[in-house]
PDB file of N, CA and C in Angstrom:
ATOM      1  N   MET A   1      -1.043  10.989   9.105  1.00  0.00           N
ATOM      2  CA  MET A   1      -0.840   9.986  10.410  1.00  0.00           C
ATOM      3  C   MET A   1       0.740   9.807  10.742  1.00  0.00           C
ATOM      4  N   ALA A   2       0.736   9.874  11.960  1.00  0.00           N
ATOM      5  CA  ALA A   2       2.181   9.522  12.827  1.00  0.00           C
ATOM      6  C   ALA A   2       2.553   8.207  12.367  1.00  0.00           C
ATOM      7  N   ALA A   3       3.870   7.994  12.287  1.00  0.00           N
ATOM      8  CA  ALA A   3       4.153   6.635  12.130  1.00  0.00           C
ATOM      9  C   ALA A   3       4.354   5.747  13.571  1.00  0.00           C
ATOM     10  N   LYS A   4       4.059   4.805  13.507  1.00  0.00           N
ATOM     11  CA  LYS A   4       4.054   3.849  14.591  1.00  0.00           C
ATOM     12  C   LYS A   4       5.285   3.154  15.084  1.00  0.00           C
ATOM     13  N   ILE A   5       6.083   2.948  13.670  1.00  0.00           N
ATOM     14  CA  ILE A   5       7.432   2.396  13.804  1.00  0.00           C
ATOM     15  C   ILE A   5       8.519   3.239  13.114  1.00  0.00           C
ATOM     16  N   LYS A   6       9.385   3.601  13.521  1.00  0.00           N
ATOM     17  CA  LYS A   6      10.394   4.538  12.981  1.00  0.00           C
ATOM     18  C   LYS A   6      11.856   3.951  12.790  1.00  0.00           C
ATOM     19  N   LYS A   7      12.683   4.651  12.237  1.00  0.00           N
ATOM     20  CA  LYS A   7      13.966   4.255  11.770  1.00  0.00           C
ATOM     21  C   LYS A   7      14.818   4.230  13.217  1.00  0.00           C
ATOM     22  N   GLY A   8      15.489   3.334  13.532  1.00  0.00           N
ATOM     23  CA  GLY A   8      16.170   3.249  14.920  1.00  0.00           C
ATOM     24  C   GLY A   8      15.477   2.530  15.946  1.00  0.00           C
ATOM     25  N   ASP A   9      14.060   2.235  15.768  1.00  0.00           N
ATOM     26  CA  ASP A   9      13.339   1.513  16.868  1.00  0.00           C
ATOM     27  C   ASP A   9      13.983   0.120  16.769  1.00  0.00           C
ATOM     28  N   THR A  10      13.660  -0.380  18.049  1.00  0.00           N
ATOM     29  CA  THR A  10      13.930  -1.849  18.353  1.00  0.00           C
ATOM     30  C   THR A  10      12.393  -2.553  18.058  1.00  0.00           C
ATOM     31  N   VAL A  11      12.751  -3.641  17.319  1.00  0.00           N
ATOM     32  CA  VAL A  11      11.321  -4.201  16.999  1.00  0.00           C
ATOM     33  C   VAL A  11      11.676  -5.847  17.150  1.00  0.00           C
ATOM     34  N   VAL A  12      10.557  -6.453  17.172  1.00  0.00           N
ATOM     35  CA  VAL A  12      10.396  -7.834  17.639  1.00  0.00           C
ATOM     36  C   VAL A  12       9.653  -8.602  16.349  1.00  0.00           C
ATOM     37  N   VAL A  13       9.988  -9.610  15.678  1.00  0.00           N
ATOM     38  CA  VAL A  13       9.390 -10.340  14.866  1.00  0.00           C
ATOM     39  C   VAL A  13       8.300 -11.337  15.292  1.00  0.00           C
ATOM     40  N   LEU A  14       7.047 -11.274  14.852  1.00  0.00           N
ATOM     41  CA  LEU A  14       5.956 -11.793  15.325  1.00  0.00           C
ATOM     42  C   LEU A  14       5.773 -13.124  14.646  1.00  0.00           C
ATOM     43  N   THR A  15       5.927 -13.162  13.421  1.00  0.00           N
ATOM     44  CA  THR A  15       5.972 -14.236  12.316  1.00  0.00           C
ATOM     45  C   THR A  15       6.982 -14.700  11.575  1.00  0.00           C
ATOM     46  N   GLY A  16       7.102 -15.662  10.987  1.00  0.00           N
ATOM     47  CA  GLY A  16       8.026 -16.100   9.778  1.00  0.00           C
ATOM     48  C   GLY A  16       8.966 -16.976  10.419  1.00  0.00           C
ATOM     49  N   ARG A  17      10.098 -17.072   9.602  1.00  0.00           N
ATOM     50  CA  ARG A  17      11.325 -18.050  10.191  1.00  0.00           C
ATOM     51  C   ARG A  17      12.295 -17.325  11.148  1.00  0.00           C
ATOM     52  N   ASP A  18      12.028 -16.165  11.422  1.00  0.00           N
ATOM     53  CA  ASP A  18      12.659 -15.365  12.475  1.00  0.00           C
ATOM     54  C   ASP A  18      12.001 -14.815  13.789  1.00  0.00           C
ATOM     55  N   LYS A  19      10.652 -15.795  13.858  1.00  0.00           N
ATOM     56  CA  LYS A  19       9.949 -15.143  15.002  1.00  0.00           C
ATOM     57  C   LYS A  19      10.638 -15.398  16.142  1.00  0.00           C
ATOM     58  N   GLY A  20      10.442 -14.118  17.058  1.00  0.00           N
ATOM     59  CA  GLY A  20      10.921 -14.231  18.429  1.00  0.00           C
ATOM     60  C   GLY A  20      11.995 -13.391  18.385  1.00  0.00           C
ATOM     61  N   LYS A  21      12.808 -12.972  17.367  1.00  0.00           N
ATOM     62  CA  LYS A  21      14.024 -12.258  17.269  1.00  0.00           C
ATOM     63  C   LYS A  21      13.746 -10.790  17.250  1.00  0.00           C
ATOM     64  N   SER A  22      14.888 -10.132  17.598  1.00  0.00           N
ATOM     65  CA  SER A  22      14.622  -8.557  17.786  1.00  0.00           C
ATOM     66  C   SER A  22      15.893  -7.911  17.018  1.00  0.00           C
ATOM     67  N   GLY A  23      15.472  -6.687  16.401  1.00  0.00           N
ATOM     68  CA  GLY A  23      16.614  -6.014  15.892  1.00  0.00           C
ATOM     69  C   GLY A  23      16.020  -4.634  15.747  1.00  0.00           C
ATOM     70  N   GLU A  24      17.197  -3.830  15.106  1.00  0.00           N
ATOM     71  CA  GLU A  24      16.960  -2.362  14.915  1.00  0.00           C
ATOM     72  C   GLU A  24      16.507  -2.026  13.500  1.00  0.00           C
ATOM     73  N   VAL A  25      15.465  -1.264  13.225  1.00  0.00           N
ATOM     74  CA  VAL A  25      14.838  -0.790  12.043  1.00  0.00           C
ATOM     75  C   VAL A  25      16.117  -0.110  11.218  1.00  0.00           C
ATOM     76  N   ILE A  26      16.499  -0.339  10.115  1.00  0.00           N
ATOM     77  CA  ILE A  26      17.370   0.408   9.329  1.00  0.00           C
ATOM     78  C   ILE A  26      16.843   1.396   8.555  1.00  0.00           C
ATOM     79  N   LYS A  27      15.486   0.919   7.839  1.00  0.00           N
ATOM     80  CA  LYS A  27      14.967   1.782   7.080  1.00  0.00           C
ATOM     81  C   LYS A  27      13.589   1.309   6.901  1.00  0.00           C
ATOM     82  N   MET A  28      12.686   2.285   6.844  1.00  0.00           N
ATOM     83  CA  MET A  28      11.147   2.262   6.717  1.00  0.00           C
ATOM     84  C   MET A  28      10.912   2.330   5.183  1.00  0.00           C
ATOM     85  N   MET A  29      10.184   1.586   4.538  1.00  0.00           N
ATOM     86  CA  MET A  29       9.297   1.921   3.504  1.00  0.00           C
ATOM     87  C   MET A  29       7.878   2.218   3.277  1.00  0.00           C
ATOM     88  N   PRO A  30       7.429   3.440   4.017  1.00  0.00           N
ATOM     89  CA  PRO A  30       5.830   3.243   3.974  1.00  0.00           C
ATOM     90  C   PRO A  30       5.157   3.059   2.713  1.00  0.00           C
ATOM     91  N   GLU A  31       5.593   3.520   1.652  1.00  0.00           N
ATOM     92  CA  GLU A  31       5.034   3.263   0.349  1.00  0.00           C
ATOM     93  C   GLU A  31       4.530   1.533   0.140  1.00  0.00           C
ATOM     94  N   ASP A  32       5.681   0.797   0.764  1.00  0.00           N
ATOM     95  CA  ASP A  32       5.042  -0.501   0.347  1.00  0.00           C
ATOM     96  C   ASP A  32       4.777  -1.252   1.700  1.00  0.00           C
ATOM     97  N   ASN A  33       4.748  -0.583   3.030  1.00  0.00           N
ATOM     98  CA  ASN A  33       4.416  -1.210   4.085  1.00  0.00           C
ATOM     99  C   ASN A  33       5.242  -2.060   4.632  1.00  0.00           C
ATOM    100  N   LYS A  34       6.728  -1.839   4.161  1.00  0.00           N
ATOM    101  CA  LYS A  34       7.688  -2.495   4.807  1.00  0.00           C
ATOM    102  C   LYS A  34       8.893  -2.017   5.758  1.00  0.00           C
ATOM    103  N   ALA A  35       9.786  -2.670   6.047  1.00  0.00           N
ATOM    104  CA  ALA A  35      10.617  -2.462   6.941  1.00  0.00           C
ATOM    105  C   ALA A  35      11.796  -3.326   6.664  1.00  0.00           C
ATOM    106  N   LEU A  36      13.145  -2.495   6.755  1.00  0.00           N
ATOM    107  CA  LEU A  36      14.321  -3.367   6.692  1.00  0.00           C
ATOM    108  C   LEU A  36      14.967  -3.291   8.140  1.00  0.00           C
ATOM    109  N   VAL A  37      15.162  -4.485   8.780  1.00  0.00           N
ATOM    110  CA  VAL A  37      15.564  -4.782  10.349  1.00  0.00           C
ATOM    111  C   VAL A  37      17.035  -5.169  10.093  1.00  0.00           C
ATOM    112  N   ARG A  38      17.911  -4.638  10.842  1.00  0.00           N
ATOM    113  CA  ARG A  38      19.109  -5.406  11.107  1.00  0.00           C
ATOM    114  C   ARG A  38      19.261  -6.742  11.592  1.00  0.00           C
ATOM    115  N   GLY A  39      19.805  -7.755  10.679  1.00  0.00           N
ATOM    116  CA  GLY A  39      20.028  -9.182  11.064  1.00  0.00           C
ATOM    117  C   GLY A  39      18.704 -10.113  10.977  1.00  0.00           C
ATOM    118  N   ILE A  40      17.640  -9.381  10.466  1.00  0.00           N
ATOM    119  CA  ILE A  40      16.213 -10.159  10.322  1.00  0.00           C
ATOM    120  C   ILE A  40      16.165 -10.390   9.022  1.00  0.00           C
ATOM    121  N   ASN A  41      15.462 -11.642   8.424  1.00  0.00           N
ATOM    122  CA  ASN A  41      15.181 -11.941   7.059  1.00  0.00           C
ATOM    123  C   ASN A  41      15.998 -11.785   6.209  1.00  0.00           C
ATOM    124  N   MET A  42      17.307 -12.360   6.421  1.00  0.00           N
ATOM    125  CA  MET A  42      18.656 -12.482   5.807  1.00  0.00           C
ATOM    126  C   MET A  42      18.387 -13.523   4.643  1.00  0.00           C
ATOM    127  N   VAL A  43      18.773 -12.915   3.477  1.00  0.00           N
ATOM    128  CA  VAL A  43      18.586 -13.765   2.063  1.00  0.00           C
ATOM    129  C   VAL A  43      20.353 -13.688   1.391  1.00  0.00           C
ATOM    130  N   ARG A  44      20.569 -14.721   0.710  1.00  0.00           N
ATOM    131  CA  ARG A  44      21.895 -14.819  -0.032  1.00  0.00           C
ATOM    132  C   ARG A  44      21.583 -14.359  -1.390  1.00  0.00           C
ATOM    133  N   ARG A  45      22.571 -13.308  -1.936  1.00  0.00           N
ATOM    134  CA  ARG A  45      22.273 -13.104  -3.268  1.00  0.00           C
ATOM    135  C   ARG A  45      23.978 -13.115  -3.926  1.00  0.00           C
ATOM    136  N   HIS A  46      23.498 -13.714  -5.039  1.00  0.00           N
ATOM    137  CA  HIS A  46      24.685 -13.350  -5.866  1.00  0.00           C
ATOM    138  C   HIS A  46      25.155 -12.157  -6.321  1.00  0.00           C
ATOM    139  N   GLN A  47      26.507 -11.479  -6.155  1.00  0.00           N
ATOM    140  CA  GLN A  47      26.820 -10.408  -6.426  1.00  0.00           C
ATOM    141  C   GLN A  47      28.057 -10.300  -7.612  1.00  0.00           C
ATOM    142  N   LYS A  48      27.597  -9.439  -8.632  1.00  0.00           N
ATOM    143  CA  LYS A  48      28.796  -9.328  -9.663  1.00  0.00           C
ATOM    144  C   LYS A  48      30.006  -8.790  -9.003  1.00  0.00           C
ATOM    145  N   GLN A  49      31.048  -8.830  -9.698  1.00  0.00           N
ATOM    146  CA  GLN A  49      32.219  -7.775  -9.099  1.00  0.00           C
ATOM    147  C   GLN A  49      32.163  -6.479  -9.773  1.00  0.00           C
ATOM    148  N   THR A  50      32.227  -5.668  -8.943  1.00  0.00           N
ATOM    149  CA  THR A  50      32.604  -4.218  -9.308  1.00  0.00           C
ATOM    150  C   THR A  50      33.703  -3.549  -8.771  1.00  0.00           C
ATOM    151  N   GLN A  51      33.835  -2.394  -9.046  1.00  0.00           N
ATOM    152  CA  GLN A  51      35.167  -1.842  -8.829  1.00  0.00           C
ATOM    153  C   GLN A  51      35.489  -1.580  -7.076  1.00  0.00           C
ATOM    154  N   THR A  52      34.297  -1.772  -6.442  1.00  0.00           N
ATOM    155  CA  THR A  52      34.290  -1.570  -4.760  1.00  0.00           C
ATOM    156  C   THR A  52      34.191  -2.980  -4.177  1.00  0.00           C
ATOM    157  N   GLN A  53      33.238  -3.690  -4.878  1.00  0.00           N
ATOM    158  CA  GLN A  53      32.990  -5.081  -4.336  1.00  0.00           C
ATOM    159  C   GLN A  53      33.388  -6.136  -5.095  1.00  0.00           C
ATOM    160  N   GLU A  54      33.890  -7.303  -4.248  1.00  0.00           N
ATOM    161  CA  GLU A  54      34.239  -8.505  -4.841  1.00  0.00           C
ATOM    162  C   GLU A  54      32.884  -9.500  -5.294  1.00  0.00           C
ATOM    163  N   ALA A  55      33.247 -10.256  -6.148  1.00  0.00           N
ATOM    164  CA  ALA A  55      32.233 -11.319  -6.700  1.00  0.00           C
ATOM    165  C   ALA A  55      31.783 -12.237  -5.740  1.00  0.00           C
ATOM    166  N   GLY A  56      30.914 -13.054  -5.553  1.00  0.00           N
ATOM    167  CA  GLY A  56      30.697 -13.830  -4.762  1.00  0.00           C
ATOM    168  C   GLY A  56      29.181 -13.935  -4.093  1.00  0.00           C
ATOM    169  N   ILE A  57      28.661 -14.816  -3.121  1.00  0.00           N
ATOM    170  CA  ILE A  57      27.439 -14.609  -2.574  1.00  0.00           C
ATOM    171  C   ILE A  57      27.491 -14.002  -1.430  1.00  0.00           C
ATOM    172  N   VAL A  58      26.749 -13.068  -1.051  1.00  0.00           N
ATOM    173  CA  VAL A  58      26.479 -11.919   0.279  1.00  0.00           C
ATOM    174  C   VAL A  58      25.246 -12.234   0.659  1.00  0.00           C
ATOM    175  N   ALA A  59      25.303 -12.333   1.857  1.00  0.00           N
ATOM    176  CA  ALA A  59      24.193 -12.208   2.677  1.00  0.00           C
ATOM    177  C   ALA A  59      23.513 -11.035   3.101  1.00  0.00           C
ATOM    178  N   LYS A  60      22.290 -10.521   2.892  1.00  0.00           N
ATOM    179  CA  LYS A  60      22.076  -9.159   3.133  1.00  0.00           C
ATOM    180  C   LYS A  60      20.591  -9.220   3.761  1.00  0.00           C
ATOM    181  N   GLU A  61      20.074  -8.216   4.428  1.00  0.00           N
ATOM    182  CA  GLU A  61      18.573  -7.948   5.102  1.00  0.00           C
ATOM    183  C   GLU A  61      17.618  -7.980   3.706  1.00  0.00           C
ATOM    184  N   ALA A  62      16.451  -8.459   3.834  1.00  0.00           N
ATOM    185  CA  ALA A  62      15.384  -8.252   2.745  1.00  0.00           C
ATOM    186  C   ALA A  62      14.220  -7.679   3.636  1.00  0.00           C
ATOM    187  N   PRO A  63      13.647  -6.942   2.818  1.00  0.00           N
ATOM    188  CA  PRO A  63      12.188  -6.309   3.683  1.00  0.00           C
ATOM    189  C   PRO A  63      11.509  -7.262   4.401  1.00  0.00           C
ATOM    190  N   ILE A  64      10.706  -6.531   5.347  1.00  0.00           N
ATOM    191  CA  ILE A  64       9.951  -7.636   5.773  1.00  0.00           C
ATOM    192  C   ILE A  64       8.300  -6.605   6.214  1.00  0.00           C
ATOM    193  N   HIS A  65       7.296  -7.101   5.918  1.00  0.00           N
ATOM    194  CA  HIS A  65       6.079  -6.280   6.076  1.00  0.00           C
ATOM    195  C   HIS A  65       5.781  -6.082   7.496  1.00  0.00           C
ATOM    196  N   VAL A  66       5.660  -4.671   7.656  1.00  0.00           N
ATOM    197  CA  VAL A  66       5.152  -4.110   9.032  1.00  0.00           C
ATOM    198  C   VAL A  66       4.033  -4.783   9.854  1.00  0.00           C
ATOM    199  N   SER A  67       3.298  -5.646   9.378  1.00  0.00           N
ATOM    200  CA  SER A  67       2.344  -6.218  10.130  1.00  0.00           C
ATOM    201  C   SER A  67       2.928  -7.511  10.822  1.00  0.00           C
ATOM    202  N   ASN A  68       4.114  -8.145  10.354  1.00  0.00           N
ATOM    203  CA  ASN A  68       4.831  -9.005  10.977  1.00  0.00           C
ATOM    204  C   ASN A  68       5.933  -8.826  12.097  1.00  0.00           C
ATOM    205  N   ILE A  69       6.020  -7.357  12.300  1.00  0.00           N
ATOM    206  CA  ILE A  69       6.774  -6.991  13.400  1.00  0.00           C
ATOM    207  C   ILE A  69       6.104  -5.974  14.399  1.00  0.00           C
ATOM    208  N   ALA A  70       6.464  -6.178  15.536  1.00  0.00           N
ATOM    209  CA  ALA A  70       5.826  -4.947  16.589  1.00  0.00           C
ATOM    210  C   ALA A  70       6.975  -4.573  17.452  1.00  0.00           C
ATOM    211  N   LEU A  71       6.854  -3.275  17.839  1.00  0.00           N
ATOM    212  CA  LEU A  71       7.748  -2.635  18.537  1.00  0.00           C
ATOM    213  C   LEU A  71       8.036  -3.357  19.978  1.00  0.00           C
ATOM    214  N   ALA A  72       9.419  -3.044  20.496  1.00  0.00           N
ATOM    215  CA  ALA A  72       9.687  -3.801  21.403  1.00  0.00           C
ATOM    216  C   ALA A  72       9.412  -2.797  22.508  1.00  0.00           C
ATOM    217  N   ASP A  73       8.893  -3.312  23.865  1.00  0.00           N
ATOM    218  CA  ASP A  73       8.622  -2.522  24.968  1.00  0.00           C
ATOM    219  C   ASP A  73       9.862  -1.818  25.645  1.00  0.00           C
ATOM    220  N   PRO A  74      10.027  -0.521  25.834  1.00  0.00           N
ATOM    221  CA  PRO A  74      11.257  -0.093  26.483  1.00  0.00           C
ATOM    222  C   PRO A  74      11.729  -0.828  27.850  1.00  0.00           C
ATOM    223  N   LYS A  75      10.671  -1.198  28.516  1.00  0.00           N
ATOM    224  CA  LYS A  75      10.786  -1.743  29.885  1.00  0.00           C
ATOM    225  C   LYS A  75      11.571  -3.201  30.113  1.00  0.00           C
ATOM    226  N   ASP A  76      10.573  -3.961  29.196  1.00  0.00           N
ATOM    227  CA  ASP A  76      11.051  -5.442  29.228  1.00  0.00           C
ATOM    228  C   ASP A  76      11.631  -6.150  27.716  1.00  0.00           C
ATOM    229  N   GLY A  77      11.439  -5.220  26.552  1.00  0.00           N
ATOM    230  CA  GLY A  77      11.728  -5.752  25.704  1.00  0.00           C
ATOM    231  C   GLY A  77      10.837  -6.821  24.846  1.00  0.00           C
ATOM    232  N   LYS A  78       9.724  -6.860  25.131  1.00  0.00           N
ATOM    233  CA  LYS A  78       8.547  -7.617  24.515  1.00  0.00           C
ATOM    234  C   LYS A  78       7.655  -6.905  23.541  1.00  0.00           C
ATOM    235  N   ALA A  79       6.997  -7.588  22.737  1.00  0.00           N
ATOM    236  CA  ALA A  79       6.239  -6.889  21.838  1.00  0.00           C
ATOM    237  C   ALA A  79       5.165  -6.177  22.382  1.00  0.00           C
ATOM    238  N   THR A  80       4.961  -4.798  21.914  1.00  0.00           N
ATOM    239  CA  THR A  80       3.721  -4.149  22.474  1.00  0.00           C
ATOM    240  C   THR A  80       3.085  -3.315  21.323  1.00  0.00           C
ATOM    241  N   ARG A  81       1.984  -2.946  21.427  1.00  0.00           N
ATOM    242  CA  ARG A  81       1.166  -2.255  20.315  1.00  0.00           C
ATOM    243  C   ARG A  81       1.687  -0.647  20.836  1.00  0.00           C
ATOM    244  N   VAL A  82       1.243   0.268  19.968  1.00  0.00           N
ATOM    245  CA  VAL A  82       1.983   1.846  20.011  1.00  0.00           C
ATOM    246  C   VAL A  82       0.453   2.798  20.181  1.00  0.00           C
ATOM    247  N   GLY A  83       0.602   3.359  21.031  1.00  0.00           N
ATOM    248  CA  GLY A  83      -0.561   4.684  21.318  1.00  0.00           C
ATOM    249  C   GLY A  83       0.197   5.696  21.164  1.00  0.00           C
ATOM    250  N   PHE A  84      -0.804   6.981  21.121  1.00  0.00           N
ATOM    251  CA  PHE A  84      -0.411   8.277  21.168  1.00  0.00           C
ATOM    252  C   PHE A  84      -0.720   9.076  22.107  1.00  0.00           C
ATOM    253  N   LYS A  85      -0.090   9.865  22.793  1.00  0.00           N
ATOM    254  CA  LYS A  85      -0.524  10.783  23.751  1.00  0.00           C
ATOM    255  C   LYS A  85       0.140  12.275  23.406  1.00  0.00           C
ATOM    256  N   VAL A  86      -0.965  13.246  23.590  1.00  0.00           N
ATOM    257  CA  VAL A  86      -0.448  14.554  23.456  1.00  0.00           C
ATOM    258  C   VAL A  86       0.084  15.111  24.913  1.00  0.00           C
ATOM    259  N   GLN A  87       1.286  15.497  25.142  1.00  0.00           N
ATOM    260  CA  GLN A  87       1.825  16.324  26.506  1.00  0.00           C
ATOM    261  C   GLN A  87       1.090  17.442  26.693  1.00  0.00           C
ATOM    262  N   GLU A  88       1.511  18.007  27.956  1.00  0.00           N
ATOM    263  CA  GLU A  88       0.932  19.338  28.467  1.00  0.00           C
ATOM    264  C   GLU A  88       1.315  20.310  27.570  1.00  0.00           C
ATOM    265  N   ASP A  89       2.800  20.216  26.774  1.00  0.00           N
ATOM    266  CA  ASP A  89       3.311  21.135  26.069  1.00  0.00           C
ATOM    267  C   ASP A  89       2.934  21.255  24.215  1.00  0.00           C
ATOM    268  N   GLY A  90       2.005  20.216  24.183  1.00  0.00           N
ATOM    269  CA  GLY A  90       1.472  20.159  23.037  1.00  0.00           C
ATOM    270  C   GLY A  90       1.905  19.121  21.932  1.00  0.00           C
ATOM    271  N   THR A  91       3.130  18.449  22.654  1.00  0.00           N
ATOM    272  CA  THR A  91       3.910  17.556  21.554  1.00  0.00           C
ATOM    273  C   THR A  91       3.131  15.897  21.760  1.00  0.00           C
ATOM    274  N   LYS A  92       3.082  15.538  20.669  1.00  0.00           N
ATOM    275  CA  LYS A  92       2.642  14.182  20.363  1.00  0.00           C
ATOM    276  C   LYS A  92       3.500  13.301  20.625  1.00  0.00           C
ATOM    277  N   VAL A  93       3.711  12.303  21.572  1.00  0.00           N
ATOM    278  CA  VAL A  93       4.796  11.194  21.710  1.00  0.00           C
ATOM    279  C   VAL A  93       4.063   9.681  21.528  1.00  0.00           C
ATOM    280  N   ARG A  94       4.740   8.851  21.309  1.00  0.00           N
ATOM    281  CA  ARG A  94       4.256   7.286  21.140  1.00  0.00           C
ATOM    282  C   ARG A  94       4.528   6.808  22.547  1.00  0.00           C
ATOM    283  N   VAL A  95       3.554   5.917  22.666  1.00  0.00           N
ATOM    284  CA  VAL A  95       3.296   5.222  24.176  1.00  0.00           C
ATOM    285  C   VAL A  95       3.461   3.859  23.978  1.00  0.00           C
ATOM    286  N   ALA A  96       4.044   2.983  24.874  1.00  0.00           N
ATOM    287  CA  ALA A  96       3.992   1.455  24.709  1.00  0.00           C
ATOM    288  C   ALA A  96       2.526   1.170  25.344  1.00  0.00           C
ATOM    289  N   LYS A  97       1.594   0.603  24.538  1.00  0.00           N
ATOM    290  CA  LYS A  97       0.314   0.124  25.529  1.00  0.00           C
ATOM    291  C   LYS A  97       0.775  -0.795  26.514  1.00  0.00           C
ATOM    292  N   ARG A  98       1.615  -1.847  26.552  1.00  0.00           N
ATOM    293  CA  ARG A  98       1.932  -2.944  27.427  1.00  0.00           C
ATOM    294  C   ARG A  98       2.321  -2.453  28.767  1.00  0.00           C
ATOM    295  N   SER A  99       3.209  -1.268  28.924  1.00  0.00           N
ATOM    296  CA  SER A  99       3.701  -0.938  30.025  1.00  0.00           C
ATOM    297  C   SER A  99       3.545   0.603  30.282  1.00  0.00           C
ATOM    298  N   GLY A 100       2.781   1.305  29.188  1.00  0.00           N
ATOM    299  CA  GLY A 100       2.690   2.924  29.323  1.00  0.00           C
ATOM    300  C   GLY A 100       3.816   3.801  29.386  1.00  0.00           C
ATOM    301  N   ASP A 101       5.036   3.322  29.036  1.00  0.00           N
ATOM    302  CA  ASP A 101       6.269   3.922  29.127  1.00  0.00           C
ATOM    303  C   ASP A 101       6.163   4.770  27.689  1.00  0.00           C
ATOM    304  N   LEU A 102       6.930   6.026  27.846  1.00  0.00           N
ATOM    305  CA  LEU A 102       7.256   6.713  26.615  1.00  0.00           C
ATOM    306  C   LEU A 102       8.332   6.290  25.652  1.00  0.00           C
ATOM    307  N   ILE A 103       8.054   6.084  24.275  1.00  0.00           N
ATOM    308  CA  ILE A 103       8.809   5.437  23.462  1.00  0.00           C
ATOM    309  C   ILE A 103      10.019   6.511  23.230  1.00  0.00           C
ATOM    310  N   ASP A 104       9.285   7.678  22.954  1.00  0.00           N
ATOM    311  CA  ASP A 104      10.233   8.802  22.390  1.00  0.00           C
ATOM    312  C   ASP A 104      10.381   9.965  23.197  1.00  0.00           C
ATOM    313  N   GLY A 105      11.407  10.707  23.622  1.00  0.00           N
ATOM    314  CA  GLY A 105      11.043  11.931  24.730  1.00  0.00           C
ATOM    315  C   GLY A 105      10.862  11.700  25.889  1.00  0.00           C
TER     316      GLY A 105
END
C-alpha cells in the first residue's frame, strides 16, 4: 500500500492541544502508525549529561498518531484527504481531494 503521508510533507493537526497548527513531518513510524512532526506535540524531558550534551530539561517532539494529522493542501494549506491517480506514463501520484492538485510530481 502506498503511503498517504510521507517524510517532508506539511501536515495540519486535527485534534489535541496543537489543533490547527501545521508542521513538516520529520519521521514516519508506519509500524506504530505514528509520525514525528516539527514543532508539534512538544514534551519536556530530563536529560542526563553526556560527552556531547549538557544536563538539563530539553524540549523535543513526541510522536503523534497519524489519525490526528492530515496533509495540508498545496493550494491553500488547509487539511485535505489524499487520493491516488495513475498518470499516462504509468506513475502513481498522490492527489489532494480538496483541490485536485498533485502533491508529488
